[in-house]
Amino acid sequence: MRRKTVTKITTAAAAGAMLATSVAAPVNMAMAADADNKATSETQTTGEAKNIDEAKTNLDAAKEADNKKAAVEKSAKEEKDKAEKEKADAEKAMEEAQKKADEAVAKAEADFKAAQDQANKEAEEAQASYDAQQEALKKAQENKKAMAEAWNVAVGKTAIAQKAYEDALANSNTTAEEVAQKKQAMDDATADLEAKKTAVNDAQAKLDELNGQSETAQEAIKQAEADLESATTAKADAEAKLSDAQSAYNAANDAAVADATNGTPEYNTALANVESAKNALSAAEADQAAKQDALTAAQTALESAKQEQANATDEVAASEAEVKIAAAETAVAEAQDALAEANNVVAEKQANVNAAQNELNAAQEVKNQKDAVVAEKQTALNTADADVKTAQDAINNSQALIDKATADKKTAQDSLDQANTDLATAKKAKEDADNALAESKSKLTDAQKKVTDAQEAYDKALENEKKAKEQIAKGSLGFFEEMNSQAAAGAFSESRFAESLKYTEMGAEGDATSLENMKKALEWIKEQPYRNQVSLNPQRS
């Protein structure tokens, strides 16, 4: 609405200037024609007393016109001075408003830049922390998975070793090679458990590292929250300052538009006065033309009467012509008086037109000055509108960055929460691994003891087997010694059997002392009846 009003005022000013030009042209032409007519009239009426009175009248009219013109010029000068003062005041107010707007825009841009830089920095730091944490968690999960797989393998190997040990206990015929295999399996399980210990230690170190990273990320999030709060406060301050500058500018602009809209009534009045004076001048010029026509007709009649007098052939005709000449001269004098009066009226009207035009010109100058002030204010308004829009865009961009930083912070927080959850899971898995490791250590200790016991039993069995083989090799003597039958065993050393023993290979196959022959002998003895209760000598066949 304000821009339309300014446009209308500017258009009206241009129209007024064109109108003033179109009005001045015919008036100036009329004044020139009047000057010619006046010169002719004064030539014709030189020396007449009536012309002196008319000159006085014209002089008075001119003085009055000069006085009016001076009054108009004075009023116009006062209006001009007033307009210049208003212009200066408006320019000062506009400069102050523009300065405040510029300061607000600069502050808003600086605040936005600081908020943008800080938000970008926090977003980058949060992203970097998040990426590092994700990578660390990924490695920890991979280590955890590998550790779990290795742990399962170790448990399996331990179970195999345990089974082998149990088999060793159950089977007394275990060979030395099988015992060595069990020992190797146990050694492998031991080495695997040592590797698991190292993996558990590595996992513990990684968990400690993740704990540190989690704490660092939490501190970064707290800092980001503080920075976001600071940026939000700065944005609010910038918006408040921008609003104050906008209000000040609006007030100054409203005053300028009001001055432009309501400050030119004198121009409208002067324009109406010019139109009225022109209409009066046109009527006076029409009457002047009629009076000029009447004078011309009277002069023509006078010349005709003079011609008749010159052509008269008798006194009667000459007398009649003389009468016509007297009447024509009277008519010419009356017509000249009437024309002179009309000329005076035209001159007066022309003076009125000139005075009104001067008033209009002065009012036009004042109006042009006010229009210039309005145009300047309109230009400043357009510039301020652009500045306000730029500042608003900057604030909007700042808000967008704040929103993005807030969203990124939420994403980082969610990721941190998930990382903490995964960390807790990893801690639980590590505790389970520690417990399983302790249990495995206990089982390994038991298995090692059982293997040691089995080895001892095996070694003893080997020793017994060796002794058994040695006793078997002695044949019946070894049997009697094993059965702790000293009397029977002592028989082999009695002298009465010395001769027979020369031909005996103790325990050899086919020898009477072999266990096989001893078995057969025992079987044969079981089949023979006893000869008496005390004699064991068998019957001979």
Protein backbone atom coordinates (compact mmCIF):
# COMPACT_ATOMS: atom_id res chain seq x y z
CA MET A 1 0.00 0.00 0.00
CA ARG A 2 2.82 2.43 0.82
CA ARG A 3 4.56 1.79 -2.46
CA LYS A 4 1.32 2.39 -4.38
CA THR A 5 0.84 5.67 -2.52
CA VAL A 6 4.37 6.81 -3.35
CA THR A 7 3.84 5.85 -6.99
CA LYS A 8 0.60 7.85 -7.15
CA ILE A 9 2.29 10.92 -5.65
CA THR A 10 5.18 10.71 -8.11
CA THR A 11 2.77 10.34 -11.03
CA ALA A 12 0.76 13.35 -9.83
CA ALA A 13 3.93 15.43 -9.62
CA ALA A 14 4.85 14.57 -13.21
CA ALA A 15 1.35 15.39 -14.39
CA GLY A 16 1.51 18.73 -12.55
CA ALA A 17 4.78 19.60 -14.26
CA MET A 18 3.32 18.83 -17.69
CA LEU A 19 0.19 20.82 -16.89
CA ALA A 20 2.25 23.79 -15.76
CA THR A 21 4.11 23.70 -19.08
CA SER A 22 0.90 23.47 -21.12
CA VAL A 23 -0.64 26.35 -19.15
CA ALA A 24 2.39 28.64 -19.37
CA ALA A 25 2.68 28.41 -23.15
CA PRO A 26 -0.73 29.95 -24.11
CA VAL A 27 -0.46 32.48 -21.28
CA ASN A 28 2.91 33.68 -22.58
CA MET A 29 1.50 33.88 -26.09
CA ALA A 30 -1.47 35.87 -24.85
CA MET A 31 0.86 38.25 -22.99
CA ALA A 32 2.87 38.81 -26.15
CA ALA A 33 -0.30 39.51 -28.17
CA ASP A 34 -1.54 41.81 -25.45
CA ALA A 35 1.76 43.71 -25.51
CA ASP A 36 1.38 44.29 -29.27
CA ASN A 37 -2.22 45.39 -28.93
CA LYS A 38 -1.34 47.59 -25.99
CA ALA A 39 1.43 49.25 -27.99
CA THR A 40 -0.97 49.92 -30.84
CA SER A 41 -3.61 51.26 -28.48
CA GLU A 42 -1.11 53.54 -26.76
CA THR A 43 0.05 54.84 -30.12
CA GLN A 44 -3.49 55.64 -31.14
CA THR A 45 -4.40 57.33 -27.85
CA THR A 46 -1.16 59.19 -27.15
CA GLY A 47 -1.69 62.35 -25.15
CA GLU A 48 -5.14 61.39 -23.89
CA ALA A 49 -5.83 61.83 -20.19
CA LYS A 50 -7.77 58.61 -20.05
CA ASN A 51 -4.65 56.64 -20.90
CA ILE A 52 -2.89 58.14 -17.89
CA ASP A 53 -5.59 56.88 -15.59
CA GLU A 54 -5.38 53.51 -17.20
CA ALA A 55 -1.61 53.51 -16.74
CA LYS A 56 -2.07 54.31 -13.05
CA THR A 57 -4.60 51.55 -12.79
CA ASN A 58 -2.21 49.18 -14.50
CA LEU A 59 0.60 50.29 -12.24
CA ASP A 60 -1.53 49.66 -9.16
CA ALA A 61 -2.51 46.27 -10.55
CA ALA A 62 1.14 45.47 -11.21
CA LYS A 63 2.09 46.53 -7.69
CA GLU A 64 -0.68 44.43 -6.28
CA ALA A 65 0.50 41.52 -8.42
CA ASP A 66 4.06 42.09 -7.19
CA ASN A 67 2.85 42.13 -3.62
CA LYS A 68 0.93 38.93 -4.19
CA LYS A 69 3.95 37.42 -5.88
CA ALA A 70 6.18 38.45 -2.97
CA ALA A 71 3.70 36.95 -0.54
CA VAL A 72 3.58 33.78 -2.61
CA GLU A 73 7.36 33.65 -2.82
CA LYS A 74 7.64 34.18 0.92
CA SER A 75 5.09 31.44 1.59
CA ALA A 76 6.84 29.17 -0.91
CA LYS A 77 10.21 29.87 0.73
CA GLU A 78 8.75 29.06 4.16
CA GLU A 79 7.29 25.85 2.75
CA LYS A 80 10.60 25.08 1.08
CA ASP A 81 12.52 25.69 4.32
CA LYS A 82 10.01 23.55 6.18
CA ALA A 83 10.29 20.80 3.58
CA GLU A 84 14.09 20.94 3.69
CA LYS A 85 14.00 20.68 7.49
CA GLU A 86 11.56 17.78 7.28
CA LYS A 87 13.77 16.21 4.65
CA ALA A 88 16.85 16.62 6.86
CA ASP A 89 14.97 15.19 9.88
CA ALA A 90 13.66 12.30 7.80
CA GLU A 91 17.13 11.63 6.37
CA LYS A 92 18.59 11.64 9.88
CA ALA A 93 15.89 9.26 11.12
CA MET A 94 16.41 7.10 8.06
CA GLU A 95 20.18 7.04 8.61
CA GLU A 96 19.67 6.06 12.24
CA ALA A 97 17.17 3.35 11.25
CA GLN A 98 19.48 2.14 8.49
CA LYS A 99 22.41 2.12 10.91
CA LYS A 100 20.42 0.06 13.40
CA ALA A 101 19.30 -2.28 10.63
CA ASP A 102 22.90 -2.63 9.40
CA GLU A 103 24.14 -3.28 12.93
CA ALA A 104 21.39 -5.86 13.50
CA VAL A 105 22.16 -7.55 10.19
CA ALA A 106 25.90 -7.57 10.92
CA LYS A 107 25.27 -8.94 14.43
CA ALA A 108 22.86 -11.57 13.06
CA GLU A 109 25.38 -12.59 10.40
CA ALA A 110 28.20 -12.77 12.96
CA ASP A 111 26.06 -14.77 15.38
CA PHE A 112 24.95 -17.04 12.57
CA LYS A 113 28.55 -17.52 11.40
CA ALA A 114 29.71 -18.34 14.94
CA ALA A 115 26.77 -20.71 15.49
CA GLN A 116 27.34 -22.29 12.08
CA ASP A 117 31.09 -22.80 12.71
CA GLN A 118 30.52 -24.19 16.20
CA ALA A 119 27.68 -26.45 15.05
CA ASN A 120 29.79 -27.72 12.13
CA LYS A 121 32.75 -28.31 14.47
CA GLU A 122 30.62 -30.16 17.02
CA ALA A 123 28.94 -32.17 14.25
CA GLU A 124 32.34 -33.15 12.81
CA GLU A 125 33.72 -34.04 16.25
CA ALA A 126 30.61 -36.02 17.14
CA GLN A 127 30.74 -37.81 13.79
CA ALA A 128 34.45 -38.58 14.19
CA SER A 129 33.89 -39.85 17.74
CA TYR A 130 30.92 -41.89 16.57
CA ASP A 131 32.89 -43.39 13.65
CA ALA A 132 35.85 -44.26 15.89
CA GLN A 133 33.56 -45.76 18.48
CA GLN A 134 31.69 -47.78 15.86
CA GLU A 135 34.99 -49.08 14.45
CA ALA A 136 36.21 -49.98 17.95
CA LEU A 137 32.92 -51.73 18.77
CA LYS A 138 33.05 -53.58 15.45
CA LYS A 139 36.59 -54.82 16.23
CA ALA A 140 35.55 -55.74 19.78
CA GLN A 141 32.60 -57.71 18.44
CA GLU A 142 34.86 -59.46 15.93
CA ASN A 143 37.35 -60.24 18.71
CA LYS A 144 34.51 -61.44 20.89
CA LYS A 145 33.24 -63.71 18.12
CA ALA A 146 36.72 -65.07 17.41
CA MET A 147 37.30 -65.58 21.13
CA ALA A 148 33.97 -67.43 21.44
CA GLU A 149 34.83 -69.66 18.50
CA ALA A 150 38.31 -70.36 19.88
CA TRP A 151 36.83 -70.97 23.30
CA ASN A 152 34.38 -73.51 21.88
CA VAL A 153 37.27 -75.25 20.12
CA ALA A 154 39.25 -75.28 23.37
CA VAL A 155 36.29 -76.67 25.29
CA GLY A 156 35.87 -79.33 22.62
CA LYS A 157 39.51 -80.25 22.78
CA THR A 158 39.32 -80.36 26.57
CA ALA A 159 36.30 -82.63 26.35
CA ILE A 160 38.19 -84.87 23.91
CA ALA A 161 41.14 -84.95 26.27
CA GLN A 162 38.81 -85.71 29.17
CA LYS A 163 37.23 -88.56 27.22
CA ALA A 164 40.65 -89.88 26.27
CA TYR A 165 41.65 -89.77 29.92
CA GLU A 166 38.51 -91.61 30.99
CA ASP A 167 39.17 -94.19 28.28
CA ALA A 168 42.69 -94.51 29.61
CA LEU A 169 41.35 -95.22 33.07
CA ALA A 170 38.73 -97.67 31.79
CA ASN A 171 41.17 -99.55 29.58
CA SER A 172 44.09 -101.01 31.45
CA ASN A 173 45.52 -102.21 28.16
CA THR A 174 46.25 -98.57 27.04
CA THR A 175 49.42 -98.49 25.05
CA ALA A 176 52.30 -96.10 25.42
CA GLU A 177 51.41 -94.51 22.07
CA GLU A 178 47.85 -93.82 23.23
CA VAL A 179 49.14 -92.30 26.44
CA ALA A 180 51.45 -90.10 24.37
CA GLN A 181 48.52 -89.07 22.21
CA LYS A 182 46.51 -88.16 25.29
CA LYS A 183 49.44 -86.16 26.58
CA GLN A 184 49.72 -84.35 23.24
CA ALA A 185 45.98 -83.62 23.26
CA MET A 186 46.29 -82.28 26.77
CA ASP A 187 49.28 -80.19 25.79
CA ASP A 188 47.32 -78.81 22.82
CA ALA A 189 44.40 -77.98 25.09
CA THR A 190 46.81 -76.29 27.49
CA ALA A 191 48.33 -74.21 24.71
CA ASP A 192 44.86 -73.35 23.40
CA LEU A 193 43.77 -72.21 26.84
CA GLU A 194 46.87 -70.05 27.08
CA ALA A 195 45.88 -68.47 23.78
CA LYS A 196 42.41 -67.89 25.20
CA LYS A 197 43.94 -66.21 28.19
CA THR A 198 45.73 -63.86 25.83
CA ALA A 199 42.47 -63.27 23.89
CA VAL A 200 40.64 -62.54 27.14
CA ASN A 201 43.35 -60.08 28.14
CA ASP A 202 43.14 -58.42 24.72
CA ALA A 203 39.35 -58.22 25.00
CA GLN A 204 39.72 -56.66 28.46
CA ALA A 205 42.10 -54.05 27.04
CA LYS A 206 39.69 -53.30 24.20
CA LEU A 207 36.81 -52.99 26.65
CA ASP A 208 38.87 -50.57 28.71
CA GLU A 209 39.57 -48.58 25.56
CA LEU A 210 35.87 -48.55 24.65
CA ASN A 211 35.03 -47.38 28.15
CA GLY A 212 37.40 -44.44 27.67
CA GLN A 213 35.95 -43.66 24.26
CA SER A 214 32.43 -43.83 25.66
CA GLU A 215 33.32 -41.33 28.37
CA THR A 216 34.95 -39.06 25.78
CA ALA A 217 31.86 -39.25 23.55
CA GLN A 218 29.64 -38.39 26.50
CA GLU A 219 31.75 -35.32 27.25
CA ALA A 220 31.59 -34.31 23.57
CA ILE A 221 27.81 -34.63 23.61
CA LYS A 222 27.60 -32.47 26.74
CA GLN A 223 29.78 -29.84 25.07
CA ALA A 224 27.64 -30.01 21.92
CA GLU A 225 24.51 -29.47 24.02
CA ALA A 226 26.08 -26.41 25.65
CA ASP A 227 27.16 -25.01 22.28
CA LEU A 228 23.72 -25.59 20.81
CA GLU A 229 22.14 -23.80 23.74
CA SER A 230 24.54 -20.88 23.27
CA ALA A 231 23.82 -20.74 19.53
CA THR A 232 20.07 -20.80 20.19
CA THR A 233 20.42 -17.91 22.65
CA ALA A 234 22.52 -15.92 20.17
CA LYS A 235 19.92 -16.53 17.48
CA ALA A 236 17.15 -15.29 19.78
CA ASP A 237 19.16 -12.14 20.57
CA ALA A 238 19.73 -11.50 16.87
CA GLU A 239 16.03 -11.91 16.15
CA ALA A 240 15.15 -9.44 18.92
CA LYS A 241 17.64 -6.84 17.63
CA LEU A 242 16.41 -7.33 14.09
CA SER A 243 12.84 -6.82 15.26
CA ASP A 244 13.80 -3.56 17.02
CA ALA A 245 15.55 -2.26 13.89
CA GLN A 246 12.56 -3.21 11.76
CA SER A 247 10.20 -1.38 14.12
CA ALA A 248 12.36 1.76 14.05
CA TYR A 249 12.52 1.67 10.29
CA ASN A 250 8.76 1.14 9.97
CA ALA A 251 8.14 4.16 12.19
CA ALA A 252 10.42 6.36 10.08
CA ASN A 253 8.87 5.11 6.87
CA ASP A 254 5.32 5.70 8.16
CA ALA A 255 6.26 9.31 8.95
CA ALA A 256 7.75 9.82 5.47
CA VAL A 257 4.70 8.39 3.73
CA ALA A 258 2.42 10.52 5.89
CA ASP A 259 4.40 13.64 4.93
CA ALA A 260 4.20 12.72 1.26
CA THR A 261 0.48 11.96 1.41
CA ASN A 262 -0.73 14.87 3.55
CA GLY A 263 2.00 17.49 3.09
CA THR A 264 1.02 18.98 -0.36
CA PRO A 265 -2.43 20.68 -0.04
CA GLU A 266 -0.89 24.02 -1.16
CA TYR A 267 0.06 22.46 -4.48
CA ASN A 268 -3.52 21.31 -5.09
CA THR A 269 -4.87 24.77 -4.20
CA ALA A 270 -2.30 26.49 -6.48
CA LEU A 271 -3.19 24.12 -9.33
CA ALA A 272 -6.90 24.96 -8.93
CA ASN A 273 -6.08 28.70 -8.86
CA VAL A 274 -4.14 28.41 -12.15
CA GLU A 275 -7.07 26.67 -13.82
CA SER A 276 -9.48 29.33 -12.54
CA ALA A 277 -7.20 32.20 -13.69
CA LYS A 278 -6.82 30.57 -17.12
CA ASN A 279 -10.57 30.33 -17.50
CA ALA A 280 -10.97 34.01 -16.58
CA LEU A 281 -8.18 34.94 -19.03
CA SER A 282 -9.85 32.99 -21.81
CA ALA A 283 -13.15 34.86 -21.20
CA ALA A 284 -11.32 38.24 -21.17
CA GLU A 285 -9.45 37.36 -24.38
CA ALA A 286 -12.75 36.43 -26.06
CA ASP A 287 -14.23 39.79 -25.03
CA GLN A 288 -11.02 41.50 -26.22
CA ALA A 289 -11.37 39.84 -29.63
CA ALA A 290 -14.98 41.01 -29.86
CA LYS A 291 -13.93 44.55 -28.99
CA GLN A 292 -11.19 44.40 -31.60
CA ASP A 293 -13.72 43.29 -34.21
CA ALA A 294 -16.03 46.17 -33.24
CA LEU A 295 -13.13 48.68 -33.56
CA THR A 296 -12.22 47.28 -36.93
CA ALA A 297 -15.81 47.59 -38.12
CA ALA A 298 -16.02 51.20 -36.83
CA GLN A 299 -12.74 52.09 -38.52
CA THR A 300 -13.99 50.54 -41.76
CA ALA A 301 -17.21 52.60 -41.52
CA LEU A 302 -15.13 55.73 -40.89
CA GLU A 303 -13.01 55.12 -43.94
CA SER A 304 -16.14 54.49 -46.01
CA ALA A 305 -17.71 57.78 -44.80
CA LYS A 306 -14.49 59.64 -45.63
CA GLN A 307 -14.53 58.09 -49.09
CA GLU A 308 -18.14 59.16 -49.56
CA GLN A 309 -17.16 62.68 -48.55
CA ALA A 310 -14.38 62.68 -51.02
CA ASN A 311 -16.69 61.43 -53.74
CA ALA A 312 -19.56 63.89 -52.88
CA THR A 313 -20.68 66.02 -55.88
CA ASP A 314 -22.83 68.48 -54.00
CA GLU A 315 -23.03 70.03 -50.60
CA VAL A 316 -25.90 67.82 -49.49
CA ALA A 317 -23.93 64.68 -50.15
CA ALA A 318 -20.91 66.27 -48.55
CA SER A 319 -22.95 67.20 -45.45
CA GLU A 320 -24.39 63.71 -45.19
CA ALA A 321 -20.93 62.30 -45.50
CA GLU A 322 -19.74 64.71 -42.83
CA VAL A 323 -22.44 63.47 -40.48
CA LYS A 324 -21.46 59.84 -41.19
CA ILE A 325 -17.84 60.73 -40.54
CA ALA A 326 -18.70 62.31 -37.18
CA ALA A 327 -20.81 59.31 -36.20
CA ALA A 328 -18.08 56.93 -37.38
CA GLU A 329 -15.39 58.77 -35.45
CA THR A 330 -17.57 58.65 -32.32
CA ALA A 331 -18.07 54.91 -32.90
CA VAL A 332 -14.32 54.44 -33.45
CA ALA A 333 -13.53 56.35 -30.23
CA GLU A 334 -16.05 54.30 -28.29
CA ALA A 335 -14.69 51.10 -29.80
CA GLN A 336 -11.15 52.14 -28.92
CA ASP A 337 -12.22 52.83 -25.34
CA ALA A 338 -13.97 49.50 -25.14
CA LEU A 339 -10.90 47.73 -26.59
CA ALA A 340 -8.61 49.53 -24.17
CA GLU A 341 -10.79 48.47 -21.31
CA ALA A 342 -10.80 44.88 -22.63
CA ASN A 343 -7.01 45.05 -22.95
CA ASN A 344 -6.77 46.15 -19.36
CA VAL A 345 -8.99 43.28 -18.29
CA VAL A 346 -6.87 40.84 -20.30
CA ALA A 347 -3.70 42.24 -18.76
CA GLU A 348 -5.18 41.91 -15.31
CA LYS A 349 -6.28 38.37 -16.00
CA GLN A 350 -2.87 37.59 -17.47
CA ALA A 351 -1.23 38.99 -14.34
CA ASN A 352 -3.52 36.81 -12.26
CA VAL A 353 -2.56 33.82 -14.37
CA ASN A 354 1.14 34.66 -13.99
CA ALA A 355 0.77 35.08 -10.23
CA ALA A 356 -1.17 31.83 -9.95
CA GLN A 357 1.45 30.11 -12.12
CA ASN A 358 4.22 31.46 -9.87
CA GLU A 359 2.36 30.10 -6.86
CA LEU A 360 1.97 26.79 -8.64
CA ASN A 361 5.66 26.73 -9.57
CA ALA A 362 6.65 27.42 -5.96
CA ALA A 363 4.24 24.77 -4.72
CA GLN A 364 5.59 22.41 -7.40
CA GLU A 365 9.13 22.97 -6.14
CA VAL A 366 8.03 22.17 -2.59
CA LYS A 367 6.16 19.14 -3.83
CA ASN A 368 9.18 18.01 -5.86
CA GLN A 369 11.34 18.25 -2.75
CA LYS A 370 8.88 16.18 -0.75
CA ASP A 371 8.58 13.73 -3.62
CA ALA A 372 12.38 13.45 -3.64
CA VAL A 373 12.35 12.76 0.09
CA VAL A 374 9.69 10.11 -0.45
CA ALA A 375 11.70 8.59 -3.31
CA GLU A 376 14.79 8.49 -1.12
CA LYS A 377 12.84 6.87 1.66
CA GLN A 378 11.32 4.42 -0.78
CA THR A 379 14.82 3.48 -1.98
CA ALA A 380 15.98 3.11 1.61
CA LEU A 381 12.87 1.05 2.33
CA ASN A 382 13.65 -1.27 -0.56
CA THR A 383 17.24 -1.63 0.63
CA ALA A 384 16.13 -2.24 4.22
CA ASP A 385 13.59 -4.80 3.01
CA ALA A 386 16.38 -6.62 1.19
CA ASP A 387 18.62 -6.40 4.28
CA VAL A 388 15.83 -7.68 6.49
CA LYS A 389 15.22 -10.56 4.10
CA THR A 390 18.94 -11.35 4.03
CA ALA A 391 19.08 -11.30 7.82
CA GLN A 392 15.98 -13.47 8.02
CA ASP A 393 17.48 -15.92 5.54
CA ALA A 394 20.64 -16.00 7.66
CA ILE A 395 18.56 -16.70 10.76
CA ASN A 396 16.64 -19.41 8.90
CA ASN A 397 19.91 -20.97 7.74
CA SER A 398 21.21 -20.78 11.29
CA GLN A 399 18.07 -22.50 12.51
CA ALA A 400 18.47 -25.19 9.86
CA LEU A 401 22.05 -25.80 11.01
CA ILE A 402 20.93 -25.90 14.62
CA ASP A 403 18.21 -28.41 13.69
CA LYS A 404 20.76 -30.51 11.82
CA ALA A 405 23.22 -30.35 14.73
CA THR A 406 20.40 -31.35 17.08
CA ALA A 407 19.49 -34.29 14.84
CA ASP A 408 23.16 -35.28 14.57
CA LYS A 409 23.47 -35.05 18.33
CA LYS A 410 20.43 -37.31 18.73
CA THR A 411 21.91 -39.77 16.25
CA ALA A 412 25.22 -39.70 18.14
CA GLN A 413 23.37 -40.17 21.41
CA ASP A 414 21.43 -43.14 19.99
CA SER A 415 24.68 -44.59 18.70
CA LEU A 416 26.31 -44.02 22.08
CA ASP A 417 23.39 -45.72 23.81
CA GLN A 418 23.69 -48.66 21.45
CA ALA A 419 27.45 -48.72 21.96
CA ASN A 420 26.94 -48.75 25.72
CA THR A 421 24.48 -51.60 25.31
CA ASP A 422 26.98 -53.50 23.18
CA LEU A 423 29.68 -52.66 25.69
CA ALA A 424 27.57 -54.08 28.50
CA THR A 425 26.98 -57.20 26.40
CA ALA A 426 30.71 -57.47 25.74
CA LYS A 427 31.41 -57.07 29.46
CA LYS A 428 28.94 -59.85 30.24
CA ALA A 429 30.51 -62.03 27.56
CA LYS A 430 33.94 -61.29 28.99
CA GLU A 431 32.75 -62.23 32.48
CA ASP A 432 31.28 -65.44 31.10
CA ALA A 433 34.55 -66.11 29.31
CA ASP A 434 36.48 -65.50 32.53
CA ASN A 435 34.20 -67.90 34.38
CA ALA A 436 34.45 -70.47 31.63
CA LEU A 437 38.21 -70.01 31.58
CA ALA A 438 38.40 -70.57 35.32
CA GLU A 439 36.20 -73.65 34.99
CA SER A 440 38.35 -74.87 32.11
CA LYS A 441 41.46 -74.30 34.18
CA SER A 442 39.95 -76.40 36.94
CA LYS A 443 38.95 -79.12 34.50
CA LEU A 444 42.38 -78.96 32.92
CA THR A 445 43.99 -79.34 36.31
CA ASP A 446 41.78 -82.34 37.01
CA ALA A 447 42.53 -83.76 33.59
CA GLN A 448 46.23 -83.25 34.08
CA LYS A 449 46.01 -85.06 37.43
CA LYS A 450 44.06 -87.86 35.84
CA VAL A 451 46.57 -88.11 33.02
CA THR A 452 49.35 -88.15 35.60
CA ASP A 453 47.53 -90.86 37.55
CA ALA A 454 46.89 -92.78 34.35
CA GLN A 455 50.56 -92.48 33.44
CA GLU A 456 51.55 -93.76 36.82
CA ALA A 457 49.08 -96.61 36.55
CA TYR A 458 50.31 -97.36 33.06
CA ASP A 459 53.90 -97.32 34.20
CA LYS A 460 53.01 -99.64 37.06
CA ALA A 461 51.15 -101.91 34.66
CA LEU A 462 54.20 -101.98 32.45
CA GLU A 463 56.32 -102.84 35.44
CA ASN A 464 53.90 -105.58 36.47
CA GLU A 465 53.80 -106.86 32.90
CA LYS A 466 57.56 -106.92 32.85
CA LYS A 467 57.68 -108.80 36.13
CA ALA A 468 54.94 -111.13 34.94
CA LYS A 469 56.86 -111.86 31.79
CA GLU A 470 59.96 -112.53 33.86
CA GLN A 471 58.03 -114.90 36.16
CA ILE A 472 56.38 -116.59 33.17
CA ALA A 473 59.81 -117.05 31.69
CA LYS A 474 60.82 -118.96 34.86
CA GLY A 475 57.94 -121.34 34.27
CA SER A 476 56.75 -123.30 37.32
CA LEU A 477 59.47 -121.76 39.47
CA GLY A 478 58.18 -118.28 38.70
CA PHE A 479 54.62 -119.46 39.45
CA PHE A 480 55.66 -120.84 42.86
CA GLU A 481 57.57 -117.65 43.65
CA GLU A 482 54.59 -115.48 42.60
CA MET A 483 52.30 -117.62 44.79
CA ASN A 484 54.83 -117.24 47.60
CA SER A 485 55.17 -121.03 47.85
CA GLN A 486 58.63 -121.18 49.40
CA ALA A 487 58.65 -124.95 49.90
CA ALA A 488 57.80 -125.67 46.26
CA ALA A 489 60.16 -123.03 44.98
CA GLY A 490 62.91 -124.31 47.28
CA ALA A 491 62.73 -127.78 45.76
CA PHE A 492 64.48 -126.52 42.67
CA SER A 493 67.53 -125.83 44.78
CA GLU A 494 67.59 -129.18 46.66
CA SER A 495 70.54 -131.35 45.97
CA ARG A 496 68.46 -134.40 45.18
CA PHE A 497 67.22 -132.68 42.04
CA ALA A 498 70.63 -131.32 41.07
CA GLU A 499 71.27 -134.01 38.51
CA SER A 500 67.88 -133.58 36.88
CA LEU A 501 68.22 -129.82 36.74
CA LYS A 502 71.24 -130.19 34.55
CA TYR A 503 68.91 -131.16 31.74
CA THR A 504 66.25 -128.59 32.58
CA GLU A 505 65.84 -125.28 30.73
CA MET A 506 63.73 -123.39 33.24
CA GLY A 507 60.38 -122.29 31.73
CA ALA A 508 61.32 -123.06 28.13
CA GLU A 509 58.65 -124.36 25.78
CA GLY A 510 58.47 -128.17 25.91
CA ASP A 511 60.44 -128.23 29.16
CA ALA A 512 58.90 -129.91 32.12
CA THR A 513 59.16 -126.58 33.97
CA SER A 514 57.11 -124.64 31.39
CA LEU A 515 53.81 -123.32 32.59
CA GLU A 516 52.00 -125.18 29.84
CA ASN A 517 53.37 -128.56 30.99
CA MET A 518 52.71 -127.52 34.58
CA LYS A 519 49.09 -126.88 33.62
CA LYS A 520 48.81 -130.28 32.01
CA ALA A 521 50.37 -131.89 35.03
CA LEU A 522 47.87 -130.22 37.30
CA GLU A 523 45.02 -131.38 35.14
CA TRP A 524 46.33 -134.97 35.24
CA ILE A 525 46.70 -134.86 39.00
CA LYS A 526 43.07 -133.80 39.35
CA GLU A 527 42.02 -136.96 37.54
CA GLN A 528 43.94 -139.46 39.83
CA PRO A 529 42.39 -140.87 43.09
CA TYR A 530 44.36 -140.34 46.23
CA ARG A 531 46.21 -143.40 47.56
CA ASN A 532 45.93 -142.14 51.04
CA GLN A 533 45.39 -138.87 52.83
CA VAL A 534 49.04 -138.09 53.34
CA SER A 535 50.73 -139.55 50.31
CA LEU A 536 50.52 -137.57 47.10
CA ASN A 537 52.59 -139.85 44.99
CA PRO A 538 50.58 -140.69 41.95
CA GLN A 539 50.22 -144.14 40.53
CA ARG A 540 52.48 -144.87 37.70
CA SER A 541 51.05 -146.15 34.48
